[in-house]
Amino acid sequence: MLTPRQLEAEYNARAAIADHPQIFARWREESGAARARMKVESDCRFGPSPAEALDFYPTARNNAPLLVFIHGGYWRSLDKQDFSFLAPAFVEAGVAVAMPNYGLAPATPIADMVRQMLGALSWLYRNASRHGIDARRIVVAGHSAGAHLAAMMLAANWPRWAPDLPADLLRGAVCISGLYDLRPLVHAAFLQDDLRLDARTAKFVSPVNYRPGQPTPMITAVGADESAEFRRQNRLIRSAWPHCFRDDVPLPGRHHLASVEALGEANHALFRATLSLVQRNT
């Protein structure tokens, strides 16, 4: 077991990136510019709480595939609008994009965040035709805590959640720098005041403790400059779900925050792999 000091060094990714305030400021600036030049349907309600809203970026193409991006922030910070800069490359390629919010810790337990994302994906499936989406080509992606939530969506038993939903609601998942076994975080002092995890709750919300019922394709990625624990977590989900794993995209020279930027870069292998996954025929 890692010591508290080792847990801090391995899992506090933001603390390891000295210029993270400048990176977040750049994301907000680039995202504001993206929203200014793109069509966007903001704050579409998919649930009862104020956080349960998503931004939808349509494409000119009818019956378009959909990429649903779930943001990170250790389940306790950031917002869907901080990541609008990821949408333009996909929209220009004929892929619609949805970015949902979820309630943040400590007010919202992680299990409730999972339920909120189940609600978001259900809403998008049910409202696909109204938004020009091909309901049979929905792919979920996420970064960091968002990759955890994306993995939980891949493991979902959709008909059990709602009988009108198909078992293969998702066509794929892209999990970037994710956390899939939350048990080490029980002992991470920098998170405990917000996440309030114990052994039972950490196990309950850890994707590795579930097995997707469908062999839905999953792509993983983690920055080469990320900590050993983030790289281990990336290997862990691939070994836990071999029937889903399709590819791991290398991210050389990228730290934890730079890893997600690759998703929106039209010339990057991660963007191309995601685009190929989203554009697969039913």
Protein backbone atom coordinates (compact mmCIF):
# COMPACT_ATOMS: atom_id res chain seq x y z
CA MET A 1 0.00 0.00 0.00
CA LEU A 2 1.23 3.48 -0.83
CA THR A 3 1.97 5.88 2.01
CA PRO A 4 -0.03 9.13 2.28
CA ARG A 5 2.93 11.03 0.83
CA GLN A 6 3.19 8.60 -2.09
CA LEU A 7 -0.55 8.81 -2.74
CA GLU A 8 -0.28 12.58 -2.90
CA ALA A 9 2.60 12.39 -5.36
CA GLU A 10 0.91 9.77 -7.54
CA TYR A 11 -2.67 10.99 -7.63
CA ASN A 12 -2.56 14.77 -7.14
CA ALA A 13 -1.99 15.41 -10.83
CA ARG A 14 -2.83 19.10 -10.64
CA ALA A 15 -0.17 19.73 -7.99
CA ALA A 16 2.44 18.15 -10.26
CA ILE A 17 1.72 20.67 -13.06
CA ALA A 18 3.02 24.05 -11.97
CA ASP A 19 1.30 26.00 -14.75
CA HIS A 20 -2.11 24.37 -14.32
CA PRO A 21 -3.82 27.76 -13.59
CA GLN A 22 -2.57 29.07 -16.91
CA ILE A 23 -3.71 25.90 -18.68
CA PHE A 24 -7.21 26.21 -17.23
CA ALA A 25 -7.33 29.88 -18.24
CA ARG A 26 -6.31 28.95 -21.79
CA TRP A 27 -8.98 26.25 -21.93
CA ARG A 28 -11.63 28.78 -20.88
CA GLU A 29 -10.43 31.28 -23.48
CA GLU A 30 -10.32 28.71 -26.28
CA SER A 31 -13.68 27.30 -25.24
CA GLY A 32 -15.31 30.73 -25.27
CA ALA A 33 -13.96 31.32 -28.76
CA ALA A 34 -15.26 27.91 -29.88
CA ARG A 35 -18.77 28.62 -28.57
CA ALA A 36 -18.74 32.03 -30.27
CA ARG A 37 -18.15 30.53 -33.70
CA MET A 38 -20.20 27.32 -33.36
CA LYS A 39 -23.88 26.58 -33.09
CA VAL A 40 -24.64 25.36 -29.59
CA GLU A 41 -27.78 24.42 -27.70
CA SER A 42 -26.82 25.31 -24.14
CA ASP A 43 -28.06 23.81 -20.90
CA CYS A 44 -30.45 21.19 -22.25
CA ARG A 45 -32.09 19.74 -19.14
CA PHE A 46 -31.88 15.98 -18.66
CA GLY A 47 -32.63 15.69 -14.94
CA PRO A 48 -34.17 17.51 -11.98
CA SER A 49 -31.11 19.01 -10.28
CA PRO A 50 -29.50 22.27 -11.50
CA ALA A 51 -26.32 20.41 -12.51
CA GLU A 52 -28.16 17.99 -14.79
CA ALA A 53 -27.79 19.90 -18.05
CA LEU A 54 -25.75 19.44 -21.19
CA ASP A 55 -24.47 21.51 -24.08
CA PHE A 56 -25.13 20.12 -27.54
CA TYR A 57 -23.01 20.99 -30.57
CA PRO A 58 -24.84 19.91 -33.75
CA THR A 59 -23.27 19.30 -37.11
CA ALA A 60 -24.66 20.15 -40.53
CA ARG A 61 -24.97 16.44 -41.26
CA ASN A 62 -28.36 14.81 -40.65
CA ASN A 63 -28.51 11.56 -38.68
CA ALA A 64 -25.02 12.28 -37.37
CA PRO A 65 -23.08 10.10 -34.97
CA LEU A 66 -22.68 11.53 -31.46
CA LEU A 67 -19.68 11.87 -29.16
CA VAL A 68 -20.58 12.48 -25.52
CA PHE A 69 -17.65 13.97 -23.58
CA ILE A 70 -17.64 13.82 -19.76
CA HIS A 71 -15.27 16.30 -18.13
CA GLY A 72 -12.83 15.58 -15.32
CA GLY A 73 -11.81 17.58 -12.26
CA TYR A 74 -11.61 14.83 -9.61
CA TRP A 75 -15.42 14.79 -9.36
CA ARG A 76 -15.20 18.11 -7.50
CA SER A 77 -14.37 20.88 -9.98
CA LEU A 78 -14.55 22.17 -13.57
CA ASP A 79 -17.51 22.51 -15.89
CA LYS A 80 -18.68 21.35 -19.31
CA GLN A 81 -18.01 24.81 -20.76
CA ASP A 82 -14.32 24.53 -19.85
CA PHE A 83 -14.02 21.86 -22.57
CA SER A 84 -15.91 23.37 -25.50
CA PHE A 85 -12.56 23.68 -27.27
CA LEU A 86 -12.66 19.92 -27.91
CA ALA A 87 -15.84 20.10 -30.03
CA PRO A 88 -14.86 21.94 -33.26
CA ALA A 89 -12.69 19.21 -34.80
CA PHE A 90 -15.46 16.63 -34.38
CA VAL A 91 -18.26 18.91 -35.56
CA GLU A 92 -16.25 19.80 -38.66
CA ALA A 93 -15.83 16.06 -39.31
CA GLY A 94 -19.60 15.52 -39.20
CA VAL A 95 -19.88 14.31 -35.60
CA ALA A 96 -22.26 15.98 -33.16
CA VAL A 97 -20.94 16.54 -29.63
CA ALA A 98 -22.71 16.62 -26.27
CA MET A 99 -21.06 17.71 -23.03
CA PRO A 100 -23.01 17.02 -19.84
CA ASN A 101 -22.47 18.42 -16.38
CA TYR A 102 -22.99 16.51 -13.16
CA GLY A 103 -23.24 17.46 -9.51
CA LEU A 104 -19.86 17.94 -7.87
CA ALA A 105 -18.44 16.68 -4.59
CA PRO A 106 -18.83 17.11 -1.70
CA ALA A 107 -22.50 17.94 -2.26
CA THR A 108 -22.95 15.04 -4.70
CA PRO A 109 -21.64 11.52 -3.95
CA ILE A 110 -19.88 9.75 -6.81
CA ALA A 111 -22.65 7.13 -7.00
CA ASP A 112 -25.14 9.93 -7.71
CA MET A 113 -22.85 11.31 -10.42
CA VAL A 114 -22.96 7.89 -12.07
CA ARG A 115 -26.76 7.95 -11.95
CA GLN A 116 -26.80 11.44 -13.43
CA MET A 117 -24.64 10.32 -16.35
CA LEU A 118 -26.95 7.33 -16.89
CA GLY A 119 -29.72 9.90 -17.11
CA ALA A 120 -27.80 12.05 -19.58
CA LEU A 121 -27.06 9.15 -21.94
CA SER A 122 -30.66 7.93 -21.68
CA TRP A 123 -31.95 11.41 -22.52
CA LEU A 124 -29.67 11.69 -25.54
CA TYR A 125 -30.75 8.29 -26.84
CA ARG A 126 -34.44 9.09 -26.43
CA ASN A 127 -34.10 12.54 -28.01
CA ALA A 128 -31.75 11.53 -30.81
CA SER A 129 -34.07 12.10 -33.75
CA ARG A 130 -35.11 15.53 -32.47
CA HIS A 131 -31.45 16.58 -32.46
CA GLY A 132 -30.47 14.98 -35.77
CA ILE A 133 -28.50 12.20 -34.03
CA ASP A 134 -28.15 8.58 -35.10
CA ALA A 135 -29.21 6.82 -31.89
CA ARG A 136 -27.26 3.71 -32.92
CA ARG A 137 -23.95 5.57 -33.05
CA ILE A 138 -23.40 7.10 -29.63
CA VAL A 139 -19.86 6.97 -28.20
CA VAL A 140 -18.92 8.19 -24.73
CA ALA A 141 -15.54 9.72 -23.90
CA GLY A 142 -14.08 11.14 -20.74
CA HIS A 143 -10.91 12.41 -19.12
CA SER A 144 -9.67 11.63 -15.59
CA ALA A 145 -12.77 11.51 -13.35
CA GLY A 146 -14.76 11.81 -16.57
CA ALA A 147 -13.04 8.67 -17.89
CA HIS A 148 -14.15 6.90 -14.71
CA LEU A 149 -17.74 7.96 -15.41
CA ALA A 150 -17.41 6.98 -19.08
CA ALA A 151 -16.22 3.51 -18.02
CA MET A 152 -19.20 3.20 -15.69
CA MET A 153 -21.45 3.99 -18.67
CA LEU A 154 -19.79 1.18 -20.62
CA ALA A 155 -20.51 -1.20 -17.76
CA ALA A 156 -24.15 -0.12 -17.45
CA ASN A 157 -27.00 -2.59 -17.78
CA TRP A 158 -29.19 -0.25 -19.79
CA PRO A 159 -32.43 -2.30 -19.88
CA ARG A 160 -32.21 -2.64 -16.10
CA TRP A 161 -31.83 1.14 -15.80
CA ALA A 162 -34.88 1.65 -18.07
CA PRO A 163 -36.75 -1.04 -20.04
CA ASP A 164 -37.02 1.09 -23.18
CA LEU A 165 -33.21 1.22 -23.59
CA PRO A 166 -31.19 -1.30 -25.64
CA ALA A 167 -28.41 -3.32 -24.03
CA ASP A 168 -26.00 -1.96 -26.65
CA LEU A 169 -26.92 1.69 -26.25
CA LEU A 170 -23.27 2.69 -26.60
CA ARG A 171 -21.19 2.00 -29.71
CA GLY A 172 -17.90 2.67 -27.97
CA ALA A 173 -15.96 4.42 -25.23
CA VAL A 174 -12.76 6.46 -25.10
CA CYS A 175 -11.17 6.61 -21.65
CA ILE A 176 -8.31 9.09 -21.19
CA SER A 177 -6.14 9.16 -18.05
CA GLY A 178 -8.89 7.56 -16.02
CA LEU A 179 -9.36 6.18 -12.53
CA TYR A 180 -10.93 2.73 -12.54
CA ASP A 181 -10.12 1.34 -9.08
CA LEU A 182 -10.98 4.00 -6.51
CA ARG A 183 -9.84 2.04 -3.47
CA PRO A 184 -6.42 3.79 -3.27
CA LEU A 185 -8.22 7.13 -3.06
CA VAL A 186 -9.77 6.15 0.28
CA HIS A 187 -6.39 6.96 1.83
CA ALA A 188 -5.64 10.09 -0.23
CA ALA A 189 -5.86 12.92 2.30
CA PHE A 190 -6.12 15.67 -0.34
CA LEU A 191 -9.41 14.17 -1.59
CA GLN A 192 -11.09 12.81 1.51
CA ASP A 193 -12.86 15.97 2.67
CA ASP A 194 -14.62 16.16 -0.69
CA LEU A 195 -15.07 12.54 -1.80
CA ARG A 196 -15.65 10.91 1.61
CA LEU A 197 -14.86 7.47 0.25
CA ASP A 198 -14.58 4.38 2.40
CA ALA A 199 -13.74 0.82 1.35
CA ARG A 200 -17.38 -0.05 0.61
CA THR A 201 -18.27 3.04 -1.41
CA ALA A 202 -14.96 2.98 -3.31
CA LYS A 203 -15.60 -0.61 -4.38
CA PHE A 204 -19.19 0.18 -5.37
CA VAL A 205 -18.16 2.96 -7.78
CA SER A 206 -15.03 1.29 -9.22
CA PRO A 207 -15.48 0.20 -12.86
CA VAL A 208 -13.07 -2.73 -12.43
CA ASN A 209 -15.63 -4.38 -10.16
CA TYR A 210 -18.10 -4.63 -13.04
CA ARG A 211 -18.01 -6.39 -16.39
CA PRO A 212 -19.73 -4.89 -19.44
CA GLY A 213 -22.33 -7.28 -20.77
CA GLN A 214 -21.57 -6.25 -24.34
CA PRO A 215 -18.18 -6.39 -26.11
CA THR A 216 -18.41 -2.65 -26.77
CA PRO A 217 -15.13 -1.32 -28.18
CA MET A 218 -13.05 0.70 -25.74
CA ILE A 219 -10.03 2.86 -26.52
CA THR A 220 -7.70 3.93 -23.73
CA ALA A 221 -4.95 6.53 -23.48
CA VAL A 222 -2.70 8.00 -20.81
CA GLY A 223 0.08 10.56 -21.02
CA ALA A 224 3.61 9.19 -21.03
CA ASP A 225 4.54 11.90 -18.52
CA GLU A 226 1.77 11.00 -16.07
CA SER A 227 2.43 9.27 -12.75
CA ALA A 228 3.03 5.55 -12.40
CA GLU A 229 -0.37 5.13 -10.74
CA PHE A 230 -2.28 6.77 -13.60
CA ARG A 231 -0.42 4.53 -16.03
CA ARG A 232 -1.20 1.51 -13.84
CA GLN A 233 -4.89 2.42 -13.75
CA ASN A 234 -4.85 2.61 -17.55
CA ARG A 235 -3.43 -0.92 -17.77
CA LEU A 236 -5.87 -2.13 -15.13
CA ILE A 237 -9.05 -1.40 -17.08
CA ARG A 238 -7.62 -2.96 -20.23
CA SER A 239 -6.82 -6.20 -18.39
CA ALA A 240 -10.17 -6.17 -16.55
CA TRP A 241 -12.20 -5.81 -19.76
CA PRO A 242 -10.31 -7.71 -22.49
CA HIS A 243 -13.54 -8.36 -24.41
CA CYS A 244 -13.97 -4.58 -24.84
CA PHE A 245 -10.39 -3.36 -25.21
CA ARG A 246 -9.48 -2.40 -28.78
CA ASP A 247 -6.54 -0.01 -28.66
CA ASP A 248 -4.33 2.05 -26.38
CA VAL A 249 -3.22 5.29 -28.03
CA PRO A 250 0.26 6.48 -26.97
CA LEU A 251 0.50 10.06 -25.75
CA PRO A 252 4.25 10.78 -25.71
CA GLY A 253 5.39 13.95 -23.94
CA ARG A 254 1.95 14.61 -22.40
CA HIS A 255 1.15 15.19 -18.74
CA HIS A 256 -2.29 14.72 -17.19
CA LEU A 257 -3.84 17.93 -18.53
CA ALA A 258 -2.16 17.80 -21.93
CA SER A 259 -3.53 14.28 -22.46
CA VAL A 260 -7.11 15.48 -22.94
CA GLU A 261 -6.06 18.20 -25.37
CA ALA A 262 -5.03 15.50 -27.85
CA LEU A 263 -8.68 14.49 -28.20
CA GLY A 264 -9.54 17.76 -29.93
CA GLU A 265 -6.49 17.98 -32.20
CA ALA A 266 -7.51 16.93 -35.70
CA ASN A 267 -4.00 15.75 -36.59
CA HIS A 268 -3.52 13.61 -33.46
CA ALA A 269 -3.83 9.82 -33.37
CA LEU A 270 -6.27 10.01 -30.43
CA PHE A 271 -8.66 12.20 -32.41
CA ARG A 272 -8.39 9.93 -35.45
CA ALA A 273 -8.99 6.77 -33.40
CA THR A 274 -12.00 8.37 -31.71
CA LEU A 275 -13.39 9.60 -35.02
CA SER A 276 -13.07 6.13 -36.52
CA LEU A 277 -14.89 4.63 -33.54
CA VAL A 278 -17.72 7.17 -33.71
CA GLN A 279 -18.17 6.81 -37.47
CA ARG A 280 -18.47 3.02 -37.43
CA ASN A 281 -21.61 1.79 -39.15
CA THR A 282 -24.22 0.02 -37.08
